[in-house]
């Protein structure tokens, strides 16, 4: 195994153990684990608009990797709505919210469409 890979495996196992100890209450963890829910911050810090996150997978991936390398959190809560690419939303003509480039400006995040989707008699 390459030295870099061996080092990464050790770090991963240590962080996983810290997270497991804290979540499962087996024993006090060696330190307080840091888990981030970054939303659009990695993209914004890389100079990307929310539209870029949904429609340019390469740029978005690089932004999140740069964020993870810089801050070294123990875990990153995935940004689930960014995991589904804009073209998929376009294809489905998803109507529950507007997203960058589809009803919302490219520089904004998602916006829930408030309306009564199911009537009382349904």
PDB file of N, CA and C in Angstrom:
ATOM      1  N   UNK A   1       0.846  -1.177   0.000  1.00  0.00           N
ATOM      2  CA  UNK A   1       0.000   0.000   0.000  1.00  0.00           C
ATOM      3  C   UNK A   1       0.891   1.240   0.000  1.00  0.00           C
ATOM      4  N   UNK A   2       0.488   2.246  -0.759  1.00  0.00           N
ATOM      5  CA  UNK A   2       1.256   3.482  -0.825  1.00  0.00           C
ATOM      6  C   UNK A   2       1.197   4.206   0.512  1.00  0.00           C
ATOM      7  N   UNK A   3       2.275   4.913   0.894  1.00  0.00           N
ATOM      8  CA  UNK A   3       2.294   5.608   2.188  1.00  0.00           C
ATOM      9  C   UNK A   3       1.153   6.610   2.353  1.00  0.00           C
ATOM     10  N   UNK A   4       0.823   7.340   1.280  1.00  0.00           N
ATOM     11  CA  UNK A   4      -0.267   8.319   1.374  1.00  0.00           C
ATOM     12  C   UNK A   4      -1.590   7.623   1.636  1.00  0.00           C
ATOM     13  N   UNK A   5      -1.792   6.499   0.965  1.00  0.00           N
ATOM     14  CA  UNK A   5      -3.039   5.741   1.137  1.00  0.00           C
ATOM     15  C   UNK A   5      -3.124   5.165   2.545  1.00  0.00           C
ATOM     16  N   UNK A   6      -2.004   4.646   3.061  1.00  0.00           N
ATOM     17  CA  UNK A   6      -1.982   4.092   4.413  1.00  0.00           C
ATOM     18  C   UNK A   6      -2.307   5.183   5.435  1.00  0.00           C
ATOM     19  N   UNK A   7      -1.748   6.380   5.227  1.00  0.00           N
ATOM     20  CA  UNK A   7      -2.006   7.501   6.126  1.00  0.00           C
ATOM     21  C   UNK A   7      -3.476   7.896   6.054  1.00  0.00           C
ATOM     22  N   UNK A   8      -4.040   7.954   4.868  1.00  0.00           N
ATOM     23  CA  UNK A   8      -5.450   8.304   4.709  1.00  0.00           C
ATOM     24  C   UNK A   8      -6.343   7.267   5.393  1.00  0.00           C
ATOM     25  N   UNK A   9      -5.990   5.995   5.289  1.00  0.00           N
ATOM     26  CA  UNK A   9      -6.763   4.943   5.950  1.00  0.00           C
ATOM     27  C   UNK A   9      -6.727   5.105   7.469  1.00  0.00           C
ATOM     28  N   UNK A  10      -5.558   5.431   8.020  1.00  0.00           N
ATOM     29  CA  UNK A  10      -5.445   5.644   9.467  1.00  0.00           C
ATOM     30  C   UNK A  10      -6.300   6.814   9.934  1.00  0.00           C
ATOM     31  N   UNK A  11      -6.246   7.915   9.191  1.00  0.00           N
ATOM     32  CA  UNK A  11      -7.037   9.095   9.542  1.00  0.00           C
ATOM     33  C   UNK A  11      -8.524   8.770   9.454  1.00  0.00           C
ATOM     34  N   UNK A  12      -8.914   8.087   8.389  1.00  0.00           N
ATOM     35  CA  UNK A  12     -10.324   7.721   8.222  1.00  0.00           C
ATOM     36  C   UNK A  12     -10.810   6.861   9.386  1.00  0.00           C
ATOM     37  N   UNK A  13     -10.041   5.850   9.746  1.00  0.00           N
ATOM     38  CA  UNK A  13     -10.439   4.950  10.833  1.00  0.00           C
ATOM     39  C   UNK A  13     -10.521   5.688  12.165  1.00  0.00           C
ATOM     40  N   UNK A  14      -9.604   6.595  12.415  1.00  0.00           N
ATOM     41  CA  UNK A  14      -9.634   7.371  13.661  1.00  0.00           C
ATOM     42  C   UNK A  14     -10.861   8.269  13.708  1.00  0.00           C
ATOM     43  N   UNK A  15     -11.157   8.935  12.608  1.00  0.00           N
ATOM     44  CA  UNK A  15     -12.333   9.812  12.569  1.00  0.00           C
ATOM     45  C   UNK A  15     -13.621   9.008  12.683  1.00  0.00           C
ATOM     46  N   UNK A  16     -13.678   7.875  12.011  1.00  0.00           N
ATOM     47  CA  UNK A  16     -14.866   7.016  12.092  1.00  0.00           C
ATOM     48  C   UNK A  16     -15.082   6.540  13.522  1.00  0.00           C
ATOM     49  N   UNK A  17     -13.999   6.174  14.213  1.00  0.00           N
ATOM     50  CA  UNK A  17     -14.116   5.725  15.603  1.00  0.00           C
ATOM     51  C   UNK A  17     -14.613   6.858  16.500  1.00  0.00           C
ATOM     52  N   UNK A  18     -14.112   8.065  16.287  1.00  0.00           N
ATOM     53  CA  UNK A  18     -14.556   9.221  17.068  1.00  0.00           C
ATOM     54  C   UNK A  18     -16.045   9.465  16.854  1.00  0.00           C
ATOM     55  N   UNK A  19     -16.477   9.432  15.596  1.00  0.00           N
ATOM     56  CA  UNK A  19     -17.896   9.633  15.285  1.00  0.00           C
ATOM     57  C   UNK A  19     -18.755   8.531  15.901  1.00  0.00           C
ATOM     58  N   UNK A  20     -18.335   7.290  15.760  1.00  0.00           N
ATOM     59  CA  UNK A  20     -19.098   6.171  16.317  1.00  0.00           C
ATOM     60  C   UNK A  20     -19.200   6.274  17.833  1.00  0.00           C
ATOM     61  N   UNK A  21     -18.100   6.584  18.497  1.00  0.00           N
ATOM     62  CA  UNK A  21     -18.119   6.717  19.955  1.00  0.00           C
ATOM     63  C   UNK A  21     -19.102   7.794  20.393  1.00  0.00           C
ATOM     64  N   UNK A  22     -19.109   8.915  19.676  1.00  0.00           N
ATOM     65  CA  UNK A  22     -20.001  10.021  20.035  1.00  0.00           C
ATOM     66  C   UNK A  22     -21.465   9.677  19.734  1.00  0.00           C
ATOM     67  N   UNK A  23     -21.736   9.095  18.581  1.00  0.00           N
ATOM     68  CA  UNK A  23     -23.117   8.819  18.191  1.00  0.00           C
ATOM     69  C   UNK A  23     -23.729   7.650  18.941  1.00  0.00           C
ATOM     70  N   UNK A  24     -22.940   6.614  19.190  1.00  0.00           N
ATOM     71  CA  UNK A  24     -23.465   5.412  19.837  1.00  0.00           C
ATOM     72  C   UNK A  24     -23.333   5.450  21.358  1.00  0.00           C
ATOM     73  N   UNK A  25     -22.728   6.523  21.883  1.00  0.00           N
ATOM     74  CA  UNK A  25     -22.556   6.714  23.320  1.00  0.00           C
ATOM     75  C   UNK A  25     -21.863   5.524  23.991  1.00  0.00           C
ATOM     76  N   UNK A  26     -20.937   4.895  23.262  1.00  0.00           N
ATOM     77  CA  UNK A  26     -20.190   3.765  23.813  1.00  0.00           C
ATOM     78  C   UNK A  26     -19.231   4.223  24.904  1.00  0.00           C
ATOM     79  N   UNK A  27     -18.561   5.324  24.633  1.00  0.00           N
ATOM     80  CA  UNK A  27     -17.622   5.911  25.580  1.00  0.00           C
ATOM     81  C   UNK A  27     -17.420   7.356  25.164  1.00  0.00           C
ATOM     82  N   UNK A  28     -16.907   8.182  26.040  1.00  0.00           N
ATOM     83  CA  UNK A  28     -16.645   9.564  25.639  1.00  0.00           C
ATOM     84  C   UNK A  28     -15.638   9.580  24.483  1.00  0.00           C
ATOM     85  N   UNK A  29     -15.933  10.339  23.432  1.00  0.00           N
ATOM     86  CA  UNK A  29     -14.987  10.391  22.314  1.00  0.00           C
ATOM     87  C   UNK A  29     -13.703  11.104  22.725  1.00  0.00           C
ATOM     88  N   UNK A  30     -12.642  10.878  21.959  1.00  0.00           N
ATOM     89  CA  UNK A  30     -11.364  11.509  22.263  1.00  0.00           C
ATOM     90  C   UNK A  30     -11.416  13.022  22.105  1.00  0.00           C
ATOM     91  N   UNK A  31     -12.380  13.495  21.346  1.00  0.00           N
ATOM     92  CA  UNK A  31     -12.604  14.932  21.145  1.00  0.00           C
ATOM     93  C   UNK A  31     -14.006  15.097  20.562  1.00  0.00           C
ATOM     94  N   UNK A  32     -14.468  16.319  20.476  1.00  0.00           N
ATOM     95  CA  UNK A  32     -15.779  16.578  19.886  1.00  0.00           C
ATOM     96  C   UNK A  32     -15.646  16.487  18.373  1.00  0.00           C
ATOM     97  N   UNK A  33     -16.395  15.582  17.749  1.00  0.00           N
ATOM     98  CA  UNK A  33     -16.300  15.478  16.287  1.00  0.00           C
ATOM     99  C   UNK A  33     -16.948  16.684  15.608  1.00  0.00           C
ATOM    100  N   UNK A  34     -16.402  17.056  14.477  1.00  0.00           N
ATOM    101  CA  UNK A  34     -16.914  18.190  13.714  1.00  0.00           C
ATOM    102  C   UNK A  34     -17.559  17.660  12.434  1.00  0.00           C
ATOM    103  N   UNK A  35     -18.858  17.895  12.322  1.00  0.00           N
ATOM    104  CA  UNK A  35     -19.603  17.496  11.121  1.00  0.00           C
ATOM    105  C   UNK A  35     -20.213  18.763  10.542  1.00  0.00           C
ATOM    106  N   UNK A  36     -19.975  19.014   9.295  1.00  0.00           N
ATOM    107  CA  UNK A  36     -20.470  20.251   8.692  1.00  0.00           C
ATOM    108  C   UNK A  36     -21.630  19.987   7.755  1.00  0.00           C
ATOM    109  N   UNK A  37     -22.551  20.933   7.745  1.00  0.00           N
ATOM    110  CA  UNK A  37     -23.646  20.948   6.786  1.00  0.00           C
ATOM    111  C   UNK A  37     -23.443  22.231   5.992  1.00  0.00           C
ATOM    112  N   UNK A  38     -22.740  22.126   4.909  1.00  0.00           N
ATOM    113  CA  UNK A  38     -22.192  23.293   4.236  1.00  0.00           C
ATOM    114  C   UNK A  38     -23.147  24.016   3.294  1.00  0.00           C
ATOM    115  N   UNK A  39     -24.234  23.378   2.895  1.00  0.00           N
ATOM    116  CA  UNK A  39     -25.134  23.963   1.911  1.00  0.00           C
ATOM    117  C   UNK A  39     -24.338  24.421   0.687  1.00  0.00           C
ATOM    118  N   UNK A  40     -24.453  25.694   0.313  1.00  0.00           N
ATOM    119  CA  UNK A  40     -23.767  26.205  -0.871  1.00  0.00           C
ATOM    120  C   UNK A  40     -22.423  26.855  -0.541  1.00  0.00           C
ATOM    121  N   UNK A  41     -21.983  26.810   0.725  1.00  0.00           N
ATOM    122  CA  UNK A  41     -20.740  27.479   1.095  1.00  0.00           C
ATOM    123  C   UNK A  41     -19.534  27.029   0.273  1.00  0.00           C
ATOM    124  N   UNK A  42     -19.292  25.736   0.083  1.00  0.00           N
ATOM    125  CA  UNK A  42     -18.119  25.344  -0.722  1.00  0.00           C
ATOM    126  C   UNK A  42     -18.146  25.943  -2.123  1.00  0.00           C
ATOM    127  N   UNK A  43     -19.316  25.986  -2.721  1.00  0.00           N
ATOM    128  CA  UNK A  43     -19.431  26.560  -4.066  1.00  0.00           C
ATOM    129  C   UNK A  43     -19.187  28.068  -4.021  1.00  0.00           C
ATOM    130  N   UNK A  44     -19.803  28.723  -3.047  1.00  0.00           N
ATOM    131  CA  UNK A  44     -19.647  30.172  -2.924  1.00  0.00           C
ATOM    132  C   UNK A  44     -18.193  30.544  -2.671  1.00  0.00           C
ATOM    133  N   UNK A  45     -17.527  29.802  -1.805  1.00  0.00           N
ATOM    134  CA  UNK A  45     -16.123  30.120  -1.509  1.00  0.00           C
ATOM    135  C   UNK A  45     -15.218  29.865  -2.709  1.00  0.00           C
ATOM    136  N   UNK A  46     -15.679  29.029  -3.651  1.00  0.00           N
ATOM    137  CA  UNK A  46     -14.915  28.767  -4.874  1.00  0.00           C
ATOM    138  C   UNK A  46     -15.323  29.709  -6.005  1.00  0.00           C
ATOM    139  N   UNK A  47     -16.225  30.639  -5.705  1.00  0.00           N
ATOM    140  CA  UNK A  47     -16.667  31.597  -6.715  1.00  0.00           C
ATOM    141  C   UNK A  47     -17.726  31.055  -7.663  1.00  0.00           C
ATOM    142  N   UNK A  48     -18.378  29.974  -7.276  1.00  0.00           N
ATOM    143  CA  UNK A  48     -19.416  29.386  -8.124  1.00  0.00           C
ATOM    144  C   UNK A  48     -20.796  29.853  -7.687  1.00  0.00           C
ATOM    145  N   UNK A  49     -21.674  29.972  -8.633  1.00  0.00           N
ATOM    146  CA  UNK A  49     -23.072  30.278  -8.336  1.00  0.00           C
ATOM    147  C   UNK A  49     -23.807  28.967  -8.069  1.00  0.00           C
ATOM    148  N   UNK A  50     -24.930  29.013  -7.348  1.00  0.00           N
ATOM    149  CA  UNK A  50     -25.702  27.788  -7.141  1.00  0.00           C
ATOM    150  C   UNK A  50     -26.052  27.073  -8.454  1.00  0.00           C
ATOM    151  N   UNK A  51     -26.245  27.825  -9.506  1.00  0.00           N
ATOM    152  CA  UNK A  51     -26.516  27.217 -10.811  1.00  0.00           C
ATOM    153  C   UNK A  51     -25.376  26.281 -11.223  1.00  0.00           C
ATOM    154  N   UNK A  52     -24.130  26.716 -10.987  1.00  0.00           N
ATOM    155  CA  UNK A  52     -22.967  25.894 -11.344  1.00  0.00           C
ATOM    156  C   UNK A  52     -22.972  24.560 -10.606  1.00  0.00           C
ATOM    157  N   UNK A  53     -23.439  24.576  -9.353  1.00  0.00           N
ATOM    158  CA  UNK A  53     -23.482  23.349  -8.552  1.00  0.00           C
ATOM    159  C   UNK A  53     -24.395  22.315  -9.208  1.00  0.00           C
ATOM    160  N   UNK A  54     -25.505  22.786  -9.741  1.00  0.00           N
ATOM    161  CA  UNK A  54     -26.486  21.865 -10.321  1.00  0.00           C
ATOM    162  C   UNK A  54     -26.169  21.447 -11.742  1.00  0.00           C
ATOM    163  N   UNK A  55     -25.472  22.294 -12.483  1.00  0.00           N
ATOM    164  CA  UNK A  55     -25.290  22.018 -13.897  1.00  0.00           C
ATOM    165  C   UNK A  55     -23.846  21.756 -14.320  1.00  0.00           C
ATOM    166  N   UNK A  56     -22.892  21.872 -13.413  1.00  0.00           N
ATOM    167  CA  UNK A  56     -21.503  21.563 -13.760  1.00  0.00           C
ATOM    168  C   UNK A  56     -20.912  20.689 -12.660  1.00  0.00           C
ATOM    169  N   UNK A  57     -21.072  19.400 -12.801  1.00  0.00           N
ATOM    170  CA  UNK A  57     -20.669  18.425 -11.787  1.00  0.00           C
ATOM    171  C   UNK A  57     -19.172  18.503 -11.473  1.00  0.00           C
ATOM    172  N   UNK A  58     -18.345  18.740 -12.468  1.00  0.00           N
ATOM    173  CA  UNK A  58     -16.903  18.822 -12.252  1.00  0.00           C
ATOM    174  C   UNK A  58     -16.522  19.984 -11.355  1.00  0.00           C
ATOM    175  N   UNK A  59     -17.071  21.167 -11.638  1.00  0.00           N
ATOM    176  CA  UNK A  59     -16.772  22.344 -10.820  1.00  0.00           C
ATOM    177  C   UNK A  59     -17.281  22.154  -9.395  1.00  0.00           C
ATOM    178  N   UNK A  60     -18.478  21.603  -9.262  1.00  0.00           N
ATOM    179  CA  UNK A  60     -19.050  21.388  -7.932  1.00  0.00           C
ATOM    180  C   UNK A  60     -18.210  20.405  -7.128  1.00  0.00           C
ATOM    181  N   UNK A  61     -17.794  19.323  -7.747  1.00  0.00           N
ATOM    182  CA  UNK A  61     -16.978  18.323  -7.059  1.00  0.00           C
ATOM    183  C   UNK A  61     -15.678  18.938  -6.580  1.00  0.00           C
ATOM    184  N   UNK A  62     -15.025  19.708  -7.427  1.00  0.00           N
ATOM    185  CA  UNK A  62     -13.759  20.343  -7.044  1.00  0.00           C
ATOM    186  C   UNK A  62     -13.962  21.324  -5.891  1.00  0.00           C
ATOM    187  N   UNK A  63     -15.080  22.057  -5.906  1.00  0.00           N
ATOM    188  CA  UNK A  63     -15.360  23.003  -4.814  1.00  0.00           C
ATOM    189  C   UNK A  63     -15.516  22.269  -3.488  1.00  0.00           C
ATOM    190  N   UNK A  64     -16.233  21.144  -3.479  1.00  0.00           N
ATOM    191  CA  UNK A  64     -16.445  20.397  -2.234  1.00  0.00           C
ATOM    192  C   UNK A  64     -15.147  19.728  -1.773  1.00  0.00           C
ATOM    193  N   UNK A  65     -14.342  19.254  -2.689  1.00  0.00           N
ATOM    194  CA  UNK A  65     -13.052  18.667  -2.311  1.00  0.00           C
ATOM    195  C   UNK A  65     -12.124  19.726  -1.711  1.00  0.00           C
ATOM    196  N   UNK A  66     -12.090  20.909  -2.303  1.00  0.00           N
ATOM    197  CA  UNK A  66     -11.275  22.003  -1.783  1.00  0.00           C
ATOM    198  C   UNK A  66     -11.729  22.375  -0.376  1.00  0.00           C
ATOM    199  N   UNK A  67     -13.042  22.456  -0.176  1.00  0.00           N
ATOM    200  CA  UNK A  67     -13.623  22.753   1.137  1.00  0.00           C
ATOM    201  C   UNK A  67     -13.212  21.693   2.168  1.00  0.00           C
ATOM    202  N   UNK A  68     -13.338  20.428   1.801  1.00  0.00           N
ATOM    203  CA  UNK A  68     -13.010  19.334   2.725  1.00  0.00           C
ATOM    204  C   UNK A  68     -11.526  19.316   3.065  1.00  0.00           C
ATOM    205  N   UNK A  69     -10.692  19.556   2.076  1.00  0.00           N
ATOM    206  CA  UNK A  69      -9.242  19.564   2.324  1.00  0.00           C
ATOM    207  C   UNK A  69      -8.830  20.737   3.219  1.00  0.00           C
ATOM    208  N   UNK A  70      -9.476  21.875   3.030  1.00  0.00           N
ATOM    209  CA  UNK A  70      -9.115  23.070   3.791  1.00  0.00           C
ATOM    210  C   UNK A  70      -9.577  22.983   5.244  1.00  0.00           C
ATOM    211  N   UNK A  71     -10.800  22.532   5.472  1.00  0.00           N
ATOM    212  CA  UNK A  71     -11.362  22.532   6.827  1.00  0.00           C
ATOM    213  C   UNK A  71     -11.163  21.222   7.577  1.00  0.00           C
ATOM    214  N   UNK A  72     -10.917  20.133   6.867  1.00  0.00           N
ATOM    215  CA  UNK A  72     -10.684  18.828   7.493  1.00  0.00           C
ATOM    216  C   UNK A  72     -11.767  18.431   8.500  1.00  0.00           C
ATOM    217  N   UNK A  73     -13.058  18.527   8.137  1.00  0.00           N
ATOM    218  CA  UNK A  73     -14.083  18.085   9.082  1.00  0.00           C
ATOM    219  C   UNK A  73     -14.066  16.563   9.202  1.00  0.00           C
ATOM    220  N   UNK A  74     -14.645  16.064  10.277  1.00  0.00           N
ATOM    221  CA  UNK A  74     -14.723  14.618  10.451  1.00  0.00           C
ATOM    222  C   UNK A  74     -15.740  14.009   9.494  1.00  0.00           C
ATOM    223  N   UNK A  75     -16.752  14.780   9.177  1.00  0.00           N
ATOM    224  CA  UNK A  75     -17.769  14.323   8.230  1.00  0.00           C
ATOM    225  C   UNK A  75     -18.426  15.548   7.607  1.00  0.00           C
ATOM    226  N   UNK A  76     -18.952  15.362   6.422  1.00  0.00           N
ATOM    227  CA  UNK A  76     -19.703  16.413   5.749  1.00  0.00           C
ATOM    228  C   UNK A  76     -21.085  15.853   5.466  1.00  0.00           C
ATOM    229  N   UNK A  77     -22.106  16.531   5.972  1.00  0.00           N
ATOM    230  CA  UNK A  77     -23.463  16.116   5.665  1.00  0.00           C
ATOM    231  C   UNK A  77     -23.699  16.469   4.206  1.00  0.00           C
ATOM    232  N   UNK A  78     -24.044  15.487   3.389  1.00  0.00           N
ATOM    233  CA  UNK A  78     -24.183  15.785   1.961  1.00  0.00           C
ATOM    234  C   UNK A  78     -25.337  16.734   1.688  1.00  0.00           C
ATOM    235  N   UNK A  79     -25.131  17.552   0.722  1.00  0.00           N
ATOM    236  CA  UNK A  79     -26.158  18.496   0.287  1.00  0.00           C
ATOM    237  C   UNK A  79     -27.051  17.748  -0.682  1.00  0.00           C
ATOM    238  N   UNK A  80     -28.121  17.174  -0.171  1.00  0.00           N
ATOM    239  CA  UNK A  80     -28.920  16.211  -0.945  1.00  0.00           C
ATOM    240  C   UNK A  80     -29.556  16.800  -2.192  1.00  0.00           C
ATOM    241  N   UNK A  81     -30.011  18.049  -2.147  1.00  0.00           N
ATOM    242  CA  UNK A  81     -30.641  18.594  -3.346  1.00  0.00           C
ATOM    243  C   UNK A  81     -29.632  18.858  -4.447  1.00  0.00           C
ATOM    244  N   UNK A  82     -28.357  19.037  -4.095  1.00  0.00           N
ATOM    245  CA  UNK A  82     -27.337  19.221  -5.126  1.00  0.00           C
ATOM    246  C   UNK A  82     -26.931  17.884  -5.728  1.00  0.00           C
ATOM    247  N   UNK A  83     -27.247  16.800  -5.023  1.00  0.00           N
ATOM    248  CA  UNK A  83     -26.881  15.477  -5.532  1.00  0.00           C
ATOM    249  C   UNK A  83     -27.694  15.116  -6.768  1.00  0.00           C
ATOM    250  N   UNK A  84     -28.852  15.714  -6.892  1.00  0.00           N
ATOM    251  CA  UNK A  84     -29.662  15.504  -8.084  1.00  0.00           C
ATOM    252  C   UNK A  84     -29.369  16.674  -9.009  1.00  0.00           C
ATOM    253  N   UNK A  85     -28.827  16.387 -10.135  1.00  0.00           N
ATOM    254  CA  UNK A  85     -28.402  17.441 -11.054  1.00  0.00           C
ATOM    255  C   UNK A  85     -29.586  18.214 -11.630  1.00  0.00           C
ATOM    256  N   UNK A  86     -29.325  19.466 -11.967  1.00  0.00           N
ATOM    257  CA  UNK A  86     -30.345  20.314 -12.576  1.00  0.00           C
ATOM    258  C   UNK A  86     -31.017  19.689 -13.785  1.00  0.00           C
ATOM    259  N   UNK A  87     -30.258  19.029 -14.670  1.00  0.00           N
ATOM    260  CA  UNK A  87     -30.920  18.419 -15.828  1.00  0.00           C
ATOM    261  C   UNK A  87     -31.980  17.377 -15.448  1.00  0.00           C
ATOM    262  N   UNK A  88     -31.789  16.703 -14.312  1.00  0.00           N
ATOM    263  CA  UNK A  88     -32.799  15.734 -13.867  1.00  0.00           C
ATOM    264  C   UNK A  88     -34.069  16.471 -13.452  1.00  0.00           C
ATOM    265  N   UNK A  89     -33.906  17.569 -12.700  1.00  0.00           N
ATOM    266  CA  UNK A  89     -35.067  18.378 -12.343  1.00  0.00           C
ATOM    267  C   UNK A  89     -35.754  18.909 -13.596  1.00  0.00           C
ATOM    268  N   UNK A  90     -34.960  19.351 -14.570  1.00  0.00           N
ATOM    269  CA  UNK A  90     -35.531  19.850 -15.821  1.00  0.00           C
ATOM    270  C   UNK A  90     -36.341  18.763 -16.511  1.00  0.00           C
ATOM    271  N   UNK A  91     -35.782  17.580 -16.610  1.00  0.00           N
ATOM    272  CA  UNK A  91     -36.445  16.469 -17.273  1.00  0.00           C
ATOM    273  C   UNK A  91     -37.752  16.098 -16.584  1.00  0.00           C
ATOM    274  N   UNK A  92     -37.746  16.108 -15.254  1.00  0.00           N
ATOM    275  CA  UNK A  92     -38.938  15.763 -14.486  1.00  0.00           C
ATOM    276  C   UNK A  92     -39.954  16.898 -14.416  1.00  0.00           C
ATOM    277  N   UNK A  93     -39.525  18.105 -14.783  1.00  0.00           N
ATOM    278  CA  UNK A  93     -40.351  19.303 -14.635  1.00  0.00           C
ATOM    279  C   UNK A  93     -40.877  19.386 -13.201  1.00  0.00           C
ATOM    280  N   UNK A  94     -39.963  19.231 -12.269  1.00  0.00           N
ATOM    281  CA  UNK A  94     -40.277  19.220 -10.842  1.00  0.00           C
ATOM    282  C   UNK A  94     -40.940  20.528 -10.453  1.00  0.00           C
ATOM    283  N   UNK A  95     -42.043  20.481  -9.731  1.00  0.00           N
ATOM    284  CA  UNK A  95     -42.824  21.682  -9.466  1.00  0.00           C
ATOM    285  C   UNK A  95     -42.884  22.103  -8.006  1.00  0.00           C
ATOM    286  N   UNK A  96     -42.305  21.339  -7.102  1.00  0.00           N
ATOM    287  CA  UNK A  96     -42.392  21.697  -5.689  1.00  0.00           C
ATOM    288  C   UNK A  96     -41.495  22.866  -5.312  1.00  0.00           C
ATOM    289  N   UNK A  97     -40.442  23.101  -6.084  1.00  0.00           N
ATOM    290  CA  UNK A  97     -39.635  24.287  -5.842  1.00  0.00           C
ATOM    291  C   UNK A  97     -39.011  24.773  -7.141  1.00  0.00           C
ATOM    292  N   UNK A  98     -38.575  26.041  -7.060  1.00  0.00           N
ATOM    293  CA  UNK A  98     -37.827  26.635  -8.169  1.00  0.00           C
ATOM    294  C   UNK A  98     -36.351  26.506  -7.809  1.00  0.00           C
ATOM    295  N   UNK A  99     -35.519  26.308  -8.821  1.00  0.00           N
ATOM    296  CA  UNK A  99     -34.087  26.171  -8.570  1.00  0.00           C
ATOM    297  C   UNK A  99     -33.331  27.079  -9.517  1.00  0.00           C
ATOM    298  N   UNK A 100     -32.056  27.292  -9.262  1.00  0.00           N
ATOM    299  CA  UNK A 100     -31.276  28.201 -10.101  1.00  0.00           C
ATOM    300  C   UNK A 100     -31.348  27.826 -11.576  1.00  0.00           C
ATOM    301  N   UNK A 101     -31.780  28.779 -12.385  1.00  0.00           N
ATOM    302  CA  UNK A 101     -31.892  28.546 -13.812  1.00  0.00           C
ATOM    303  C   UNK A 101     -33.250  28.005 -14.232  1.00  0.00           C
ATOM    304  N   UNK A 102     -34.103  27.695 -13.279  1.00  0.00           N
ATOM    305  CA  UNK A 102     -35.441  27.167 -13.586  1.00  0.00           C
ATOM    306  C   UNK A 102     -36.436  27.827 -12.626  1.00  0.00           C
ATOM    307  N   UNK A 103     -36.767  29.057 -12.943  1.00  0.00           N
ATOM    308  CA  UNK A 103     -37.716  29.796 -12.118  1.00  0.00           C
ATOM    309  C   UNK A 103     -37.074  30.637 -11.030  1.00  0.00           C
ATOM    310  N   UNK A 104     -35.803  30.423 -10.774  1.00  0.00           N
ATOM    311  CA  UNK A 104     -35.068  31.226  -9.795  1.00  0.00           C
ATOM    312  C   UNK A 104     -33.777  31.707 -10.465  1.00  0.00           C
ATOM    313  N   UNK A 105     -33.308  32.900 -10.091  1.00  0.00           N
ATOM    314  CA  UNK A 105     -32.065  33.394 -10.681  1.00  0.00           C
ATOM    315  C   UNK A 105     -30.900  32.442 -10.413  1.00  0.00           C
ATOM    316  N   UNK A 106     -29.921  32.453 -11.291  1.00  0.00           N
ATOM    317  CA  UNK A 106     -28.767  31.560 -11.177  1.00  0.00           C
ATOM    318  C   UNK A 106     -27.954  31.800  -9.910  1.00  0.00           C
ATOM    319  N   UNK A 107     -28.071  32.965  -9.316  1.00  0.00           N
ATOM    320  CA  UNK A 107     -27.280  33.319  -8.133  1.00  0.00           C
ATOM    321  C   UNK A 107     -28.000  33.003  -6.824  1.00  0.00           C
ATOM    322  N   UNK A 108     -29.192  32.437  -6.880  1.00  0.00           N
ATOM    323  CA  UNK A 108     -29.942  32.140  -5.659  1.00  0.00           C
ATOM    324  C   UNK A 108     -30.035  30.635  -5.451  1.00  0.00           C
ATOM    325  N   UNK A 109     -30.480  30.259  -4.271  1.00  0.00           N
ATOM    326  CA  UNK A 109     -30.651  28.846  -3.975  1.00  0.00           C
ATOM    327  C   UNK A 109     -32.077  28.419  -4.302  1.00  0.00           C
ATOM    328  N   UNK A 110     -32.475  27.274  -3.807  1.00  0.00           N
ATOM    329  CA  UNK A 110     -33.801  26.741  -4.060  1.00  0.00           C
ATOM    330  C   UNK A 110     -34.864  27.569  -3.351  1.00  0.00           C
ATOM    331  N   UNK A 111     -36.035  27.612  -3.964  1.00  0.00           N
ATOM    332  CA  UNK A 111     -37.164  28.311  -3.364  1.00  0.00           C
ATOM    333  C   UNK A 111     -38.372  27.395  -3.433  1.00  0.00           C
ATOM    334  N   UNK A 112     -38.948  27.101  -2.283  1.00  0.00           N
ATOM    335  CA  UNK A 112     -40.128  26.263  -2.244  1.00  0.00           C
ATOM    336  C   UNK A 112     -41.308  27.018  -2.816  1.00  0.00           C
ATOM    337  N   UNK A 113     -42.089  26.375  -3.646  1.00  0.00           N
ATOM    338  CA  UNK A 113     -43.284  26.981  -4.234  1.00  0.00           C
ATOM    339  C   UNK A 113     -44.432  26.741  -3.266  1.00  0.00           C
ATOM    340  N   UNK A 114     -44.872  27.806  -2.619  1.00  0.00           N
ATOM    341  CA  UNK A 114     -45.951  27.682  -1.643  1.00  0.00           C
ATOM    342  C   UNK A 114     -47.295  27.738  -2.344  1.00  0.00           C
ATOM    343  N   UNK A 115     -47.979  26.641  -2.257  1.00  0.00           N
ATOM    344  CA  UNK A 115     -49.356  26.567  -2.742  1.00  0.00           C
ATOM    345  C   UNK A 115     -49.984  25.337  -2.138  1.00  0.00           C
ATOM    346  N   UNK A 116     -51.248  25.244  -2.226  1.00  0.00           N
ATOM    347  CA  UNK A 116     -51.956  24.091  -1.681  1.00  0.00           C
ATOM    348  C   UNK A 116     -51.893  22.982  -2.720  1.00  0.00           C
ATOM    349  N   UNK A 117     -50.995  22.028  -2.491  1.00  0.00           N
ATOM    350  CA  UNK A 117     -50.772  20.959  -3.451  1.00  0.00           C
ATOM    351  C   UNK A 117     -51.844  19.880  -3.365  1.00  0.00           C
ATOM    352  N   UNK A 118     -52.449  19.710  -2.201  1.00  0.00           N
ATOM    353  CA  UNK A 118     -53.511  18.719  -2.069  1.00  0.00           C
ATOM    354  C   UNK A 118     -54.676  19.405  -1.353  1.00  0.00           C
ATOM    355  N   UNK A 119     -55.820  19.357  -1.941  1.00  0.00           N
ATOM    356  CA  UNK A 119     -56.995  19.991  -1.384  1.00  0.00           C
ATOM    357  C   UNK A 119     -57.605  19.122  -0.282  1.00  0.00           C
ATOM    358  N   UNK A 120     -58.359  19.698   0.647  1.00  0.00           N
ATOM    359  CA  UNK A 120     -58.920  18.925   1.759  1.00  0.00           C
ATOM    360  C   UNK A 120     -59.793  17.739   1.329  1.00  0.00           C
ATOM    361  N   UNK A 121     -60.454  17.858   0.193  1.00  0.00           N
ATOM    362  CA  UNK A 121     -61.341  16.765  -0.247  1.00  0.00           C
ATOM    363  C   UNK A 121     -60.616  15.668  -1.011  1.00  0.00           C
ATOM    364  N   UNK A 122     -59.310  15.795  -1.158  1.00  0.00           N
ATOM    365  CA  UNK A 122     -58.554  14.769  -1.909  1.00  0.00           C
ATOM    366  C   UNK A 122     -58.015  13.700  -0.992  1.00  0.00           C
TER     367      UNK A 122
END
